[in-house]
């Protein structure tokens, strides 16, 4: 039992460190700079983090029912490549909203976190619930995980 907890704690710690690295990477890419190739590099980085984490948890399995979700990768990647190619402010704004929306939908569909079919209006309500309510419910999760990790480290030293 203790071994499973430490493995889970290590996984959460690795995810926390990787998320921190992505945050620093985003700061480097965007702070004081125009959006261009930076957005595309950031999208690729977030995809890499998502695939790495999903692989760690064995969540990514190629199934026929995931075909639509995998298909969302194409518009996400194509829209992210428009930033260095075009300088239309309106399209940059729309793409800045659309890309995260599509990525969240893709993540929900690939991890099968949804109960409603993606093509129904009920899915939009579920999506909003997942994005806002679920996120707010788990805001303190990294901090409580860090607290448990620090406590286990102190207990080991004692």
Protein backbone atom coordinates (compact mmCIF):
# COMPACT_ATOMS: atom_id res chain seq x y z
CA UNK A 1 0.00 0.00 0.00
CA UNK A 2 2.78 2.42 0.92
CA UNK A 3 4.62 1.63 -2.33
CA UNK A 4 1.56 2.57 -4.42
CA UNK A 5 1.22 5.88 -2.60
CA UNK A 6 4.83 6.79 -3.17
CA UNK A 7 4.55 5.85 -6.85
CA UNK A 8 1.46 8.07 -7.17
CA UNK A 9 3.24 10.84 -5.28
CA UNK A 10 6.24 10.56 -7.58
CA UNK A 11 3.95 10.72 -10.60
CA UNK A 12 2.23 13.83 -9.26
CA UNK A 13 5.61 15.38 -8.46
CA UNK A 14 6.85 14.72 -12.00
CA UNK A 15 3.66 16.20 -13.44
CA UNK A 16 4.04 19.25 -11.20
CA UNK A 17 7.65 19.77 -12.26
CA UNK A 18 6.76 19.27 -15.94
CA UNK A 19 3.90 21.77 -15.59
CA UNK A 20 6.24 24.26 -13.96
CA UNK A 21 8.71 23.79 -16.83
CA UNK A 22 5.88 24.37 -19.35
CA UNK A 23 4.94 27.53 -17.44
CA UNK A 24 8.52 28.82 -17.54
CA UNK A 25 8.69 27.89 -21.23
CA UNK A 26 5.47 29.88 -21.86
CA UNK A 27 6.91 32.88 -20.02
CA UNK A 28 10.04 32.68 -22.15
CA UNK A 29 8.00 32.37 -25.36
CA UNK A 30 5.37 35.05 -24.73
CA UNK A 31 6.52 37.67 -22.22
CA UNK A 32 7.25 40.89 -24.08
CA UNK A 33 7.07 39.23 -27.49
CA UNK A 34 4.57 39.14 -30.33
CA UNK A 35 2.63 35.94 -30.91
CA UNK A 36 4.21 34.13 -33.80
CA UNK A 37 6.06 30.87 -33.86
CA UNK A 38 5.90 30.95 -30.06
CA UNK A 39 2.25 29.89 -30.03
CA UNK A 40 2.96 26.93 -32.29
CA UNK A 41 5.92 25.86 -30.12
CA UNK A 42 3.76 26.17 -27.00
CA UNK A 43 0.98 24.03 -28.51
CA UNK A 44 3.51 21.33 -29.43
CA UNK A 45 4.90 21.48 -25.88
CA UNK A 46 1.47 21.10 -24.31
CA UNK A 47 0.78 18.15 -26.62
CA UNK A 48 4.06 16.57 -25.57
CA UNK A 49 3.15 16.99 -21.89
CA UNK A 50 -0.33 15.57 -22.48
CA UNK A 51 0.96 12.52 -24.36
CA UNK A 52 3.70 11.90 -21.80
CA UNK A 53 1.22 12.04 -18.92
CA UNK A 54 -1.35 9.91 -20.73
CA UNK A 55 1.34 7.35 -21.55
CA UNK A 56 2.37 7.24 -17.89
CA UNK A 57 -1.20 6.44 -16.89
CA UNK A 58 -1.79 4.12 -19.88
CA UNK A 59 -4.77 6.23 -20.93
CA UNK A 60 -3.99 6.51 -24.62
CA UNK A 61 -5.32 3.54 -26.47
CA UNK A 62 -6.13 3.77 -30.15
CA UNK A 63 -9.78 2.90 -30.50
CA UNK A 64 -12.27 3.46 -33.26
CA UNK A 65 -14.49 5.55 -30.98
CA UNK A 66 -11.57 7.97 -30.49
CA UNK A 67 -11.27 8.67 -34.20
CA UNK A 68 -13.04 12.04 -33.99
CA UNK A 69 -10.95 13.08 -30.97
CA UNK A 70 -7.71 12.21 -32.75
CA UNK A 71 -9.01 14.06 -35.80
CA UNK A 72 -9.14 17.26 -33.73
CA UNK A 73 -5.34 17.25 -33.75
CA UNK A 74 -5.32 18.36 -37.36
CA UNK A 75 -7.26 21.64 -36.94
CA UNK A 76 -5.43 22.37 -33.67
CA UNK A 77 -2.02 21.98 -35.28
CA UNK A 78 -3.04 23.80 -38.46
CA UNK A 79 -4.54 26.72 -36.53
CA UNK A 80 -1.40 26.97 -34.41
CA UNK A 81 0.75 27.22 -37.55
CA UNK A 82 -1.23 30.27 -38.74
CA UNK A 83 0.37 32.50 -36.09
CA UNK A 84 3.80 32.75 -37.73
CA UNK A 85 2.27 32.85 -41.23
CA UNK A 86 -0.41 35.54 -40.86
CA UNK A 87 -0.69 38.74 -38.85
CA UNK A 88 -4.44 39.33 -38.82
CA UNK A 89 -5.33 40.41 -35.27
CA UNK A 90 -8.93 39.23 -35.49
CA UNK A 91 -7.90 35.72 -36.57
CA UNK A 92 -5.19 35.61 -33.91
CA UNK A 93 -7.83 36.43 -31.29
CA UNK A 94 -10.26 33.81 -32.62
CA UNK A 95 -7.50 31.19 -32.83
CA UNK A 96 -6.37 32.00 -29.26
CA UNK A 97 -9.88 31.06 -28.12
CA UNK A 98 -10.50 28.20 -30.54
CA UNK A 99 -7.27 26.23 -30.05
CA UNK A 100 -7.62 25.80 -26.26
CA UNK A 101 -11.32 24.99 -26.71
CA UNK A 102 -10.55 22.25 -29.25
CA UNK A 103 -7.70 20.92 -27.11
CA UNK A 104 -9.98 20.68 -24.06
CA UNK A 105 -12.65 18.91 -26.12
CA UNK A 106 -10.02 16.52 -27.47
CA UNK A 107 -8.65 15.81 -24.00
CA UNK A 108 -12.13 15.13 -22.61
CA UNK A 109 -12.95 12.78 -25.48
CA UNK A 110 -9.63 10.90 -25.37
CA UNK A 111 -9.76 10.39 -21.61
CA UNK A 112 -13.46 9.52 -21.85
CA UNK A 113 -14.35 12.04 -19.14
CA UNK A 114 -17.64 12.82 -20.85
CA UNK A 115 -21.01 11.16 -20.32
CA UNK A 116 -22.78 12.92 -23.20
CA UNK A 117 -22.11 12.40 -26.90
CA UNK A 118 -19.83 15.06 -28.38
CA UNK A 119 -22.33 16.03 -31.07
CA UNK A 120 -25.17 16.92 -28.68
CA UNK A 121 -25.89 20.25 -27.04
CA UNK A 122 -25.71 18.54 -23.63
CA UNK A 123 -21.99 17.97 -24.27
CA UNK A 124 -21.43 21.74 -24.31
CA UNK A 125 -23.01 22.03 -20.87
CA UNK A 126 -20.91 19.13 -19.62
CA UNK A 127 -17.82 20.73 -21.15
CA UNK A 128 -18.47 24.00 -19.33
CA UNK A 129 -19.02 22.07 -16.10
CA UNK A 130 -15.75 20.22 -16.51
CA UNK A 131 -13.81 23.38 -17.37
CA UNK A 132 -15.17 25.58 -14.61
CA UNK A 133 -16.60 23.46 -11.79
CA UNK A 134 -14.17 20.55 -12.01
CA UNK A 135 -11.21 22.92 -12.33
CA UNK A 136 -12.25 25.01 -9.33
CA UNK A 137 -12.88 21.86 -7.31
CA UNK A 138 -9.31 20.67 -7.94
CA UNK A 139 -7.37 23.95 -7.73
CA UNK A 140 -5.81 23.00 -4.41
CA UNK A 141 -4.90 19.44 -5.47
CA UNK A 142 -1.28 20.28 -6.37
CA UNK A 143 -0.81 22.07 -3.07
CA UNK A 144 -2.26 19.22 -1.01
CA UNK A 145 -0.12 16.78 -2.99
CA UNK A 146 2.95 18.86 -2.26
CA UNK A 147 1.98 18.98 1.42
CA UNK A 148 1.65 15.17 1.54
CA UNK A 149 4.97 14.75 -0.24
CA UNK A 150 6.74 17.11 2.15
CA UNK A 151 5.13 15.39 5.13
CA UNK A 152 6.26 11.97 3.91
CA UNK A 153 9.80 13.30 3.44
CA UNK A 154 9.85 14.70 6.99
CA UNK A 155 8.42 11.41 8.37
CA UNK A 156 11.12 9.44 6.55
CA UNK A 157 13.86 11.61 8.06
CA UNK A 158 12.41 11.15 11.55
